Amino acid sequence: MTETRPRLTILLAGPRGFCAGVDRAIRIVEEALKRFGPPVYVRHEIVHNRVVVESLEAKGAVFVDELDEVPPEHVKAGVPVVFSAHGVPKSVPAEAEARGLIQLDATCPLVTKVHREAEKHFARDRHLLLIGHAGHPEVIGTMGQLPEGAVTLVEDVEQARRVQPPTSAGLAYITQTTLSVDDTAEIIAVLRERFPAIEGPRREDICYATTNRQAAVKAIAPRADLTVVIGAPNSSNSQRLVEVARKAGCPRAVLVQRARDLARVPLAGVETLALTAGASAPEALVEEVIELLRQHYTVHVEEVRVAEESVIFRLPSALAV
């Protein structure tokens, strides 16, 4: 007698996975490997995803924490170094130049936009409040655009209520690009109430991809018994998707790096599963999860798409075809 598999509906978020900034950063490393040959050094993870990092390592990329790990003989030989998509403090390119390294900047253009905003406000004698998460590479990079003391980090609503900037006469805020849209709106509302003259960006700094992926999760999470987000633990935008799913009313939301991690996720009683991927997670990992679930369930996949994305960022001029 044939065993009947339980039915499972997968609500597949759209958009999901790679954003234009991540795609550009990966292409920069791949093009550098073609142009210069291996090794190509990359300062920090190019994006927060081990599968991507390991794939690039297999092609000849060498990931380092700091530039002093690049051997002098490779510097002399003209081996390039790539800066990650999250951006770097100004001290990093200065160090690279002092060592004579060929630099390739894979900073997401939307992060660079935030850097330019910071410089503009600083030039106008405004103290900056940066809404973001302490220790995240993007936050470190943004704060490192300006002299020490020019930026105060605000992580949540409570800090927004307590923060005491040096002066309220000249004040502006900027944000990390991968935050929760709703949480950030609450923080901004508190800051505007406390400091009515505070300046902000003409368009919010949270990027289009972060906004779209959170909107897609909001559309499917309330219908699901479980939300699965594919992404790395150190991926800010992936962690925010888990939070968004829970706040949207899904009883459970979990973060997995790939299909094998589902072994630790109880699936008993799950009839509808919401599935998405953070901006650093390749589509192959989504397909891997669906294929694993097909081995145990009769699966019906319903894609729920809330936006179309057509953004493409150009490669640096040094790598332009």
Protein backbone atom coordinates (compact mmCIF):
# COMPACT_ATOMS: atom_id res chain seq x y z
CA MET A 1 0.00 0.00 0.00
CA THR A 2 1.40 3.39 -1.01
CA GLU A 3 2.10 5.72 1.88
CA THR A 4 0.31 9.05 1.56
CA ARG A 5 2.54 11.98 2.27
CA PRO A 6 1.10 14.91 4.22
CA ARG A 7 0.30 18.01 2.21
CA LEU A 8 2.36 21.18 2.66
CA THR A 9 1.68 24.57 1.12
CA ILE A 10 4.78 26.72 0.73
CA LEU A 11 4.11 30.45 0.46
CA LEU A 12 7.18 31.72 -1.35
CA ALA A 13 8.03 35.38 -0.76
CA GLY A 14 8.77 37.61 -3.69
CA PRO A 15 11.11 39.42 -3.85
CA ARG A 16 13.62 37.33 -1.90
CA GLY A 17 17.32 36.60 -1.93
CA PHE A 18 20.07 38.54 -3.68
CA CYS A 19 19.74 42.30 -3.96
CA ALA A 20 21.57 44.46 -6.51
CA GLY A 21 24.29 45.42 -4.03
CA VAL A 22 25.07 41.82 -3.13
CA ASP A 23 25.03 40.75 -6.78
CA ARG A 24 27.44 43.58 -7.64
CA ALA A 25 29.81 42.72 -4.78
CA ILE A 26 30.03 39.07 -5.83
CA ARG A 27 30.57 40.07 -9.48
CA ILE A 28 33.40 42.38 -8.42
CA VAL A 29 35.27 39.49 -6.77
CA GLU A 30 34.59 37.17 -9.72
CA GLU A 31 35.68 39.78 -12.28
CA ALA A 32 38.79 40.57 -10.25
CA LEU A 33 39.71 36.88 -10.28
CA LYS A 34 39.29 36.81 -14.07
CA ARG A 35 41.19 40.06 -14.59
CA PHE A 36 44.06 39.59 -12.14
CA GLY A 37 43.99 35.84 -11.52
CA PRO A 38 44.08 34.32 -8.04
CA PRO A 39 44.65 35.18 -5.34
CA VAL A 40 42.36 38.16 -4.83
CA TYR A 41 42.16 39.36 -1.24
CA VAL A 42 38.83 40.38 0.29
CA ARG A 43 38.65 42.30 3.56
CA HIS A 44 35.93 40.64 5.67
CA GLU A 45 33.13 38.50 4.22
CA ILE A 46 32.14 40.04 0.90
CA VAL A 47 28.52 39.43 1.97
CA HIS A 48 27.16 37.67 5.04
CA ASN A 49 26.70 34.19 3.62
CA ARG A 50 29.08 31.26 4.09
CA VAL A 51 27.95 29.46 0.93
CA VAL A 52 28.86 32.52 -1.14
CA VAL A 53 32.16 32.98 0.70
CA GLU A 54 33.15 29.32 0.30
CA SER A 55 32.27 29.41 -3.40
CA LEU A 56 34.55 32.41 -3.92
CA GLU A 57 37.30 30.82 -1.85
CA ALA A 58 37.17 27.81 -4.16
CA LYS A 59 37.79 30.16 -7.10
CA GLY A 60 40.82 31.77 -5.45
CA ALA A 61 39.53 34.55 -3.20
CA VAL A 62 41.33 34.91 0.13
CA PHE A 63 39.34 36.48 2.96
CA VAL A 64 41.22 38.45 5.61
CA ASP A 65 40.19 40.39 8.69
CA GLU A 66 42.67 43.21 8.16
CA LEU A 67 44.93 44.45 5.37
CA ASP A 68 48.15 43.62 7.22
CA GLU A 69 47.37 39.96 6.49
CA VAL A 70 48.14 40.54 2.79
CA PRO A 71 51.77 39.35 2.36
CA PRO A 72 54.27 42.01 1.19
CA GLU A 73 55.23 39.90 -1.82
CA HIS A 74 51.61 39.91 -3.00
CA VAL A 75 51.39 43.68 -2.53
CA LYS A 76 54.52 44.06 -4.67
CA ALA A 77 53.07 41.69 -7.28
CA GLY A 78 49.95 43.86 -7.67
CA VAL A 79 47.44 41.50 -6.07
CA PRO A 80 44.20 43.47 -5.49
CA VAL A 81 42.12 43.78 -2.34
CA VAL A 82 38.32 44.07 -2.38
CA PHE A 83 36.35 45.92 0.31
CA SER A 84 33.08 44.23 1.32
CA ALA A 85 29.56 45.32 0.37
CA HIS A 86 29.00 46.73 3.87
CA GLY A 87 31.47 49.58 3.43
CA VAL A 88 34.63 50.46 5.35
CA PRO A 89 35.90 53.33 7.52
CA LYS A 90 38.03 55.91 5.70
CA SER A 91 41.07 54.57 7.53
CA VAL A 92 40.93 51.33 5.49
CA PRO A 93 41.45 52.77 1.98
CA ALA A 94 44.05 55.11 3.49
CA GLU A 95 45.93 52.09 4.86
CA ALA A 96 45.59 50.28 1.52
CA GLU A 97 47.03 53.28 -0.31
CA ALA A 98 49.90 53.57 2.16
CA ARG A 99 50.78 49.92 1.50
CA GLY A 100 50.47 50.32 -2.26
CA LEU A 101 47.55 47.90 -2.62
CA ILE A 102 45.29 47.91 -5.65
CA GLN A 103 41.83 48.70 -4.23
CA LEU A 104 38.45 47.50 -5.51
CA ASP A 105 35.52 48.92 -3.56
CA ALA A 106 32.46 46.63 -3.46
CA THR A 107 30.57 48.90 -1.05
CA CYS A 108 26.89 48.89 -1.99
CA PRO A 109 26.07 52.20 -3.73
CA LEU A 110 23.15 52.66 -1.33
CA VAL A 111 25.57 52.44 1.60
CA THR A 112 27.87 54.91 -0.15
CA LYS A 113 24.85 57.23 -0.41
CA VAL A 114 24.56 57.16 3.40
CA HIS A 115 28.29 57.93 3.68
CA ARG A 116 27.84 61.00 1.46
CA GLU A 117 24.87 62.14 3.56
CA ALA A 118 27.02 61.87 6.69
CA GLU A 119 29.76 63.99 5.12
CA LYS A 120 27.23 66.59 3.95
CA HIS A 121 25.74 67.00 7.43
CA PHE A 122 29.16 67.13 9.06
CA ALA A 123 30.23 69.88 6.63
CA ARG A 124 27.17 71.85 7.76
CA ASP A 125 28.16 71.52 11.43
CA ARG A 126 25.42 69.08 12.32
CA HIS A 127 25.91 66.32 14.87
CA LEU A 128 24.78 62.98 13.48
CA LEU A 129 22.56 60.35 15.04
CA LEU A 130 23.08 57.01 13.31
CA ILE A 131 20.21 54.54 13.73
CA GLY A 132 21.75 51.09 13.54
CA HIS A 133 23.18 48.07 15.35
CA ALA A 134 26.45 48.36 17.25
CA GLY A 135 29.24 46.25 15.82
CA HIS A 136 27.66 45.69 12.41
CA PRO A 137 30.24 46.25 9.63
CA GLU A 138 28.00 48.78 7.90
CA VAL A 139 27.68 50.83 11.10
CA ILE A 140 31.43 50.66 11.71
CA GLY A 141 32.03 51.82 8.14
CA THR A 142 29.54 54.68 8.33
CA MET A 143 30.79 55.96 11.68
CA GLY A 144 34.32 55.75 10.29
CA GLN A 145 33.55 58.33 7.60
CA LEU A 146 33.73 61.11 10.18
CA PRO A 147 36.01 62.08 13.08
CA GLU A 148 35.46 60.37 16.42
CA GLY A 149 32.65 61.99 18.38
CA ALA A 150 30.85 63.33 15.30
CA VAL A 151 28.32 60.46 15.31
CA THR A 152 26.16 59.05 18.11
CA LEU A 153 24.70 55.56 17.62
CA VAL A 154 21.02 55.01 18.43
CA GLU A 155 19.98 51.34 18.47
CA ASP A 156 16.36 51.39 19.64
CA VAL A 157 13.42 53.48 20.84
CA GLU A 158 14.68 53.56 24.43
CA GLN A 159 18.01 54.99 23.33
CA ALA A 160 16.16 57.48 21.13
CA ARG A 161 14.29 58.67 24.21
CA ARG A 162 17.50 59.05 26.26
CA VAL A 163 20.10 60.22 23.77
CA GLN A 164 21.68 63.58 24.58
CA PRO A 165 23.56 64.89 21.55
CA PRO A 166 26.13 67.65 22.10
CA THR A 167 23.74 70.24 20.66
CA SER A 168 20.20 70.28 19.32
CA ALA A 169 20.88 73.39 17.23
CA GLY A 170 22.45 71.40 14.41
CA LEU A 171 21.27 67.79 14.33
CA ALA A 172 20.63 65.16 11.66
CA TYR A 173 19.93 61.44 11.47
CA ILE A 174 20.94 58.71 9.05
CA THR A 175 20.26 54.98 9.22
CA GLN A 176 21.77 51.61 8.50
CA THR A 177 20.30 50.28 5.24
CA THR A 178 19.16 46.86 6.53
CA LEU A 179 16.96 47.73 9.51
CA SER A 180 13.36 46.89 10.30
CA VAL A 181 11.24 49.44 8.45
CA ASP A 182 8.65 49.60 11.24
CA ASP A 183 11.13 49.73 14.14
CA THR A 184 13.12 52.46 12.41
CA ALA A 185 9.97 54.51 11.81
CA GLU A 186 9.26 54.37 15.57
CA ILE A 187 12.78 55.53 16.40
CA ILE A 188 12.58 58.39 13.89
CA ALA A 189 9.20 59.46 15.30
CA VAL A 190 10.72 59.71 18.80
CA LEU A 191 13.70 61.69 17.52
CA ARG A 192 11.46 64.09 15.59
CA GLU A 193 9.27 64.62 18.64
CA ARG A 194 12.30 65.37 20.84
CA PHE A 195 14.21 67.37 18.23
CA PRO A 196 11.69 69.01 15.84
CA ALA A 197 14.44 70.67 13.78
CA ILE A 198 16.36 67.44 13.16
CA GLU A 199 17.35 66.90 9.53
CA GLY A 200 16.86 63.58 7.76
CA PRO A 201 17.41 62.09 4.32
CA ARG A 202 15.09 63.13 1.50
CA ARG A 203 14.49 59.44 0.90
CA GLU A 204 14.82 57.01 3.77
CA ASP A 205 18.16 55.22 3.98
CA ILE A 206 16.67 51.73 4.39
CA CYS A 207 17.24 50.23 0.97
CA TYR A 208 14.60 49.17 -1.54
CA ALA A 209 15.53 45.47 -1.18
CA THR A 210 15.20 45.48 2.60
CA THR A 211 11.83 47.23 2.31
CA ASN A 212 10.53 44.85 -0.37
CA ARG A 213 11.65 41.68 1.42
CA GLN A 214 9.99 42.78 4.64
CA ALA A 215 6.78 43.67 2.79
CA ALA A 216 6.75 40.23 1.17
CA VAL A 217 7.10 38.53 4.56
CA LYS A 218 4.27 40.65 5.97
CA ALA A 219 2.08 39.41 3.10
CA ILE A 220 2.66 35.69 3.78
CA ALA A 221 3.58 35.26 7.45
CA PRO A 222 0.03 35.75 8.84
CA ARG A 223 -1.17 32.83 6.66
CA ALA A 224 1.57 30.44 7.78
CA ASP A 225 2.11 28.07 10.70
CA LEU A 226 5.87 28.54 10.35
CA THR A 227 8.11 31.05 8.59
CA VAL A 228 11.55 29.90 7.43
CA VAL A 229 14.10 32.58 6.58
CA ILE A 230 17.24 31.45 4.77
CA GLY A 231 20.22 33.54 5.83
CA ALA A 232 23.28 33.79 8.03
CA PRO A 233 23.14 34.53 11.77
CA ASN A 234 25.32 37.62 11.20
CA SER A 235 23.08 38.91 8.40
CA SER A 236 21.18 41.92 9.70
CA ASN A 237 18.53 41.90 6.99
CA SER A 238 17.87 38.16 7.50
CA GLN A 239 17.45 38.58 11.25
CA ARG A 240 15.02 41.43 10.62
CA LEU A 241 12.92 39.15 8.38
CA VAL A 242 12.52 36.71 11.28
CA GLU A 243 11.38 39.56 13.53
CA VAL A 244 8.99 40.89 10.88
CA ALA A 245 7.39 37.44 10.48
CA ARG A 246 6.78 37.16 14.22
CA LYS A 247 5.33 40.66 14.47
CA ALA A 248 3.11 39.95 11.46
CA GLY A 249 1.42 37.16 13.42
CA CYS A 250 3.20 33.96 12.42
CA PRO A 251 3.29 31.60 15.44
CA ARG A 252 6.89 30.57 14.71
CA ALA A 253 9.72 32.00 12.64
CA VAL A 254 13.21 30.52 12.32
CA LEU A 255 16.48 31.34 10.59
CA VAL A 256 18.33 28.56 8.75
CA GLN A 257 21.51 28.75 6.71
CA ARG A 258 20.57 25.90 4.40
CA ALA A 259 18.25 22.88 4.04
CA ARG A 260 20.09 20.59 6.44
CA ASP A 261 19.34 23.03 9.29
CA LEU A 262 15.65 22.10 9.02
CA ALA A 263 16.51 18.91 10.91
CA ARG A 264 16.42 20.94 14.13
CA VAL A 265 13.10 22.63 13.27
CA PRO A 266 9.94 20.80 14.49
CA LEU A 267 7.58 20.52 11.52
CA ALA A 268 4.80 18.46 13.11
CA GLY A 269 1.45 20.13 12.52
CA VAL A 270 2.80 22.57 9.93
CA GLU A 271 0.41 22.72 6.96
CA THR A 272 1.44 26.11 5.56
CA LEU A 273 5.04 27.26 5.54
CA ALA A 274 6.20 30.76 4.57
CA LEU A 275 9.62 30.76 2.91
CA THR A 276 11.98 33.62 2.12
CA ALA A 277 15.69 34.38 1.87
CA GLY A 278 17.79 37.29 3.04
CA ALA A 279 19.52 39.59 0.58
CA SER A 280 22.80 37.66 0.84
CA ALA A 281 21.29 34.19 0.26
CA PRO A 282 21.46 32.67 -3.25
CA GLU A 283 18.32 31.26 -4.88
CA ALA A 284 19.96 27.83 -4.95
CA LEU A 285 19.49 27.63 -1.18
CA VAL A 286 15.75 28.30 -1.57
CA GLU A 287 15.51 25.52 -4.15
CA GLU A 288 17.48 23.23 -1.83
CA VAL A 289 14.96 23.77 0.99
CA ILE A 290 11.97 23.16 -1.29
CA GLU A 291 13.55 19.98 -2.67
CA LEU A 292 14.17 18.65 0.84
CA LEU A 293 10.55 19.32 1.82
CA ARG A 294 9.35 17.52 -1.33
CA GLN A 295 11.03 14.38 -0.02
CA HIS A 296 8.66 14.34 2.96
CA TYR A 297 5.53 16.16 1.80
CA THR A 298 3.25 16.60 -1.17
CA VAL A 299 4.25 20.19 -1.77
CA HIS A 300 2.26 22.98 -3.39
CA VAL A 301 4.27 26.18 -3.96
CA GLU A 302 2.46 29.51 -4.16
CA GLU A 303 4.63 32.54 -4.88
CA VAL A 304 3.35 35.79 -3.39
CA ARG A 305 5.07 38.71 -5.10
CA VAL A 306 4.62 42.23 -3.71
CA ALA A 307 7.11 44.09 -5.92
CA GLU A 308 9.24 43.75 -9.03
CA GLU A 309 12.92 44.65 -8.87
CA SER A 310 15.03 45.78 -11.82
CA VAL A 311 17.87 47.61 -10.07
CA ILE A 312 21.36 46.90 -11.42
CA PHE A 313 24.52 48.56 -10.14
CA ARG A 314 27.54 49.07 -12.38
CA LEU A 315 30.92 47.56 -11.63
CA PRO A 316 33.79 49.89 -10.65
CA SER A 317 35.47 51.52 -13.64
CA ALA A 318 38.60 49.41 -13.06
CA LEU A 319 36.56 46.28 -13.86
CA ALA A 320 34.11 47.67 -16.39
CA VAL A 321 33.92 45.61 -19.55
